[in-house]
Amino acid sequence: MQHEIEIRTKAQKEPLNMTAQIIEKAGKKEFAVIPYRQYVKMQEALEDYHALKALRSAERDPKNQKGQPFEQVARKLGLL
């Protein structure tokens, strides 16, 4: 049994189209098998989602609201 699935994240311009083969056990859907390339694309989309989620969380954190001038940070790091 084959199913087509479309996954789209806000960051993606094109949907991730997937073709999955469904394996049943005792009449119930047990596994979905997808081509490796589709798996890799799905993993990348998932990593992008988690990175964006972490970025948005960090942006909301009050301790990250106060910035420092580049020169000040560079001096602290011994770069200037």
Foldseek 3Di string as FASTA:
>chain_A
DKDWDWADDPPDPGTLIWIWDFDDDPNHTDDTDTDPVSVVVVVVVVVVVVVVVVVVVLVPDPVNPDDDDPVVVCVVVVND
